[in-house]
Amino acid sequence: MTLMQMMWDSDAGQVLLEDGCYCSRRRSGDKTTISEILSVKKGAGVKMLKHLFDEGAKVLVARCPSNYASNRWYLRRGFTLIETSFTRSSKIPLNTWRLTRQELQETPS
């Protein structure tokens, strides 16, 4: 893996790519749930999504408070909003997004 050198903390479910993208995720079967994704370079977030699919995910799920700007990023990448719900600890609705590899949009629409 010369293009993407990875550092793993497999117990914690964290991935760090050399191009400045960090992801914390939980895997369950062929589903990967993203709890946070941070990127410092344009395009690094899409590379992270591709990497998560390359490591075996068939479906990516992300949860994001409905008032966060990152919801627009999920939408531009092809994620489908499947649910908006309230958590017990927050009065802000939480959006749940879903993406398959075939739905991934590499460039914003």
C-alpha atoms as a PDB file:
ATOM      1  CA  MET A   1       0.000   0.000   0.000  1.00  0.00           C
ATOM      2  CA  THR A   2       2.206   2.787  -1.219  1.00  0.00           C
ATOM      3  CA  LEU A   3      -0.550   5.277  -2.065  1.00  0.00           C
ATOM      4  CA  MET A   4      -2.206   5.054   1.329  1.00  0.00           C
ATOM      5  CA  GLN A   5      -0.045   4.234   4.314  1.00  0.00           C
ATOM      6  CA  MET A   6      -2.351   3.308   7.156  1.00  0.00           C
ATOM      7  CA  MET A   7      -1.957   3.419  10.887  1.00  0.00           C
ATOM      8  CA  TRP A   8      -4.417   1.202  12.726  1.00  0.00           C
ATOM      9  CA  ASP A   9      -5.734   0.993  16.189  1.00  0.00           C
ATOM     10  CA  SER A  10      -7.946  -1.968  15.350  1.00  0.00           C
ATOM     11  CA  ASP A  11      -9.301  -2.331  18.881  1.00  0.00           C
ATOM     12  CA  ALA A  12     -10.563   1.237  18.851  1.00  0.00           C
ATOM     13  CA  GLY A  13     -11.665   1.071  15.199  1.00  0.00           C
ATOM     14  CA  GLN A  14      -9.583   3.989  13.988  1.00  0.00           C
ATOM     15  CA  VAL A  15      -7.958   4.559  10.596  1.00  0.00           C
ATOM     16  CA  LEU A  16      -5.497   7.324   9.691  1.00  0.00           C
ATOM     17  CA  LEU A  17      -4.496   7.790   6.054  1.00  0.00           C
ATOM     18  CA  GLU A  18      -1.268   9.541   5.116  1.00  0.00           C
ATOM     19  CA  ASP A  19      -3.104  12.222   3.161  1.00  0.00           C
ATOM     20  CA  GLY A  20      -4.572  13.689   6.333  1.00  0.00           C
ATOM     21  CA  CYS A  21      -7.856  11.920   6.877  1.00  0.00           C
ATOM     22  CA  TYR A  22      -8.910  10.299  10.143  1.00  0.00           C
ATOM     23  CA  CYS A  23     -11.909   8.047  10.644  1.00  0.00           C
ATOM     24  CA  SER A  24     -13.360   6.400  13.703  1.00  0.00           C
ATOM     25  CA  ARG A  25     -15.637   3.525  12.805  1.00  0.00           C
ATOM     26  CA  ARG A  26     -17.290   0.338  14.040  1.00  0.00           C
ATOM     27  CA  ARG A  27     -17.660  -2.747  11.848  1.00  0.00           C
ATOM     28  CA  SER A  28     -20.461  -5.254  12.150  1.00  0.00           C
ATOM     29  CA  GLY A  29     -20.521  -7.880   9.431  1.00  0.00           C
ATOM     30  CA  ASP A  30     -20.548  -6.116   6.081  1.00  0.00           C
ATOM     31  CA  LYS A  31     -21.766  -2.801   7.589  1.00  0.00           C
ATOM     32  CA  THR A  32     -19.391  -0.072   8.782  1.00  0.00           C
ATOM     33  CA  THR A  33     -20.730   2.732  10.960  1.00  0.00           C
ATOM     34  CA  ILE A  34     -18.753   5.979  10.831  1.00  0.00           C
ATOM     35  CA  SER A  35     -18.772   7.831  14.138  1.00  0.00           C
ATOM     36  CA  GLU A  36     -16.487  10.609  12.935  1.00  0.00           C
ATOM     37  CA  ILE A  37     -14.486  11.496   9.866  1.00  0.00           C
ATOM     38  CA  LEU A  38     -12.012  14.383   9.804  1.00  0.00           C
ATOM     39  CA  SER A  39     -10.125  15.575   6.759  1.00  0.00           C
ATOM     40  CA  VAL A  40      -7.519  18.296   6.257  1.00  0.00           C
ATOM     41  CA  LYS A  41      -7.129  17.944   2.479  1.00  0.00           C
ATOM     42  CA  LYS A  42      -9.739  18.262  -0.243  1.00  0.00           C
ATOM     43  CA  GLY A  43     -10.544  14.804  -1.598  1.00  0.00           C
ATOM     44  CA  ALA A  44      -9.184  12.925   1.426  1.00  0.00           C
ATOM     45  CA  GLY A  45     -12.681  12.140   2.736  1.00  0.00           C
ATOM     46  CA  VAL A  46     -13.631  10.368  -0.496  1.00  0.00           C
ATOM     47  CA  LYS A  47     -10.362   8.381  -0.345  1.00  0.00           C
ATOM     48  CA  MET A  48     -11.334   7.319   3.183  1.00  0.00           C
ATOM     49  CA  LEU A  49     -14.773   6.162   2.004  1.00  0.00           C
ATOM     50  CA  LYS A  50     -13.136   4.127  -0.770  1.00  0.00           C
ATOM     51  CA  HIS A  51     -10.723   2.646   1.764  1.00  0.00           C
ATOM     52  CA  LEU A  52     -13.592   1.580   4.032  1.00  0.00           C
ATOM     53  CA  PHE A  53     -15.215  -0.186   1.075  1.00  0.00           C
ATOM     54  CA  ASP A  54     -11.860  -1.764   0.126  1.00  0.00           C
ATOM     55  CA  GLU A  55     -11.533  -3.235   3.627  1.00  0.00           C
ATOM     56  CA  GLY A  56     -14.807  -5.097   3.139  1.00  0.00           C
ATOM     57  CA  ALA A  57     -17.715  -2.793   3.930  1.00  0.00           C
ATOM     58  CA  LYS A  58     -20.755  -3.315   1.721  1.00  0.00           C
ATOM     59  CA  VAL A  59     -22.695  -0.487   3.391  1.00  0.00           C
ATOM     60  CA  LEU A  60     -21.505   2.652   5.189  1.00  0.00           C
ATOM     61  CA  VAL A  61     -23.752   4.254   7.790  1.00  0.00           C
ATOM     62  CA  ALA A  62     -23.127   7.688   9.301  1.00  0.00           C
ATOM     63  CA  ARG A  63     -25.018   9.574  11.978  1.00  0.00           C
ATOM     64  CA  CYS A  64     -24.881  13.344  12.177  1.00  0.00           C
ATOM     65  CA  PRO A  65     -26.807  15.974  14.145  1.00  0.00           C
ATOM     66  CA  SER A  66     -29.248  17.600  11.730  1.00  0.00           C
ATOM     67  CA  ASN A  67     -27.896  21.111  12.322  1.00  0.00           C
ATOM     68  CA  TYR A  68     -24.298  20.245  11.261  1.00  0.00           C
ATOM     69  CA  ALA A  69     -22.990  21.465   7.893  1.00  0.00           C
ATOM     70  CA  SER A  70     -21.459  18.027   7.293  1.00  0.00           C
ATOM     71  CA  ASN A  71     -24.917  16.744   6.311  1.00  0.00           C
ATOM     72  CA  ARG A  72     -24.405  18.515   2.979  1.00  0.00           C
ATOM     73  CA  TRP A  73     -21.116  16.610   2.484  1.00  0.00           C
ATOM     74  CA  TYR A  74     -22.868  13.269   3.016  1.00  0.00           C
ATOM     75  CA  LEU A  75     -25.577  14.257   0.524  1.00  0.00           C
ATOM     76  CA  ARG A  76     -23.033  15.358  -2.122  1.00  0.00           C
ATOM     77  CA  ARG A  77     -21.164  12.057  -1.776  1.00  0.00           C
ATOM     78  CA  GLY A  78     -24.281  10.034  -2.580  1.00  0.00           C
ATOM     79  CA  PHE A  79     -25.417   9.047   0.922  1.00  0.00           C
ATOM     80  CA  THR A  80     -29.172   8.575   1.320  1.00  0.00           C
ATOM     81  CA  LEU A  81     -30.919  10.021   4.368  1.00  0.00           C
ATOM     82  CA  ILE A  82     -32.729   7.018   5.834  1.00  0.00           C
ATOM     83  CA  GLU A  83     -33.895   8.365   9.186  1.00  0.00           C
ATOM     84  CA  THR A  84     -34.101  11.447  11.375  1.00  0.00           C
ATOM     85  CA  SER A  85     -34.629  10.692  15.039  1.00  0.00           C
ATOM     86  CA  PHE A  86     -34.098  12.099  18.508  1.00  0.00           C
ATOM     87  CA  THR A  87     -31.672  10.612  21.000  1.00  0.00           C
ATOM     88  CA  ARG A  88     -32.413  10.391  24.695  1.00  0.00           C
ATOM     89  CA  SER A  89     -29.652  12.872  25.539  1.00  0.00           C
ATOM     90  CA  SER A  90     -30.180  15.512  22.862  1.00  0.00           C
ATOM     91  CA  LYS A  91     -32.965  17.783  21.716  1.00  0.00           C
ATOM     92  CA  ILE A  92     -31.326  18.098  18.287  1.00  0.00           C
ATOM     93  CA  PRO A  93     -32.514  15.565  15.682  1.00  0.00           C
ATOM     94  CA  LEU A  94     -29.947  13.031  14.507  1.00  0.00           C
ATOM     95  CA  ASN A  95     -29.751  12.165  10.795  1.00  0.00           C
ATOM     96  CA  THR A  96     -28.803   8.631   9.750  1.00  0.00           C
ATOM     97  CA  TRP A  97     -27.160   8.327   6.321  1.00  0.00           C
ATOM     98  CA  ARG A  98     -26.503   5.184   4.228  1.00  0.00           C
ATOM     99  CA  LEU A  99     -24.138   4.598   1.280  1.00  0.00           C
ATOM    100  CA  THR A 100     -23.138   1.668  -0.919  1.00  0.00           C
ATOM    101  CA  ARG A 101     -20.041   1.674  -3.131  1.00  0.00           C
ATOM    102  CA  GLN A 102     -22.205   2.011  -6.252  1.00  0.00           C
ATOM    103  CA  GLU A 103     -23.811   5.177  -4.848  1.00  0.00           C
ATOM    104  CA  LEU A 104     -20.505   6.897  -4.000  1.00  0.00           C
ATOM    105  CA  GLN A 105     -20.116  10.239  -5.788  1.00  0.00           C
ATOM    106  CA  GLU A 106     -16.456  11.195  -6.091  1.00  0.00           C
ATOM    107  CA  THR A 107     -17.117  14.750  -7.226  1.00  0.00           C
ATOM    108  CA  PRO A 108     -19.755  17.048  -5.789  1.00  0.00           C
ATOM    109  CA  SER A 109     -22.953  17.320  -7.803  1.00  0.00           C
END
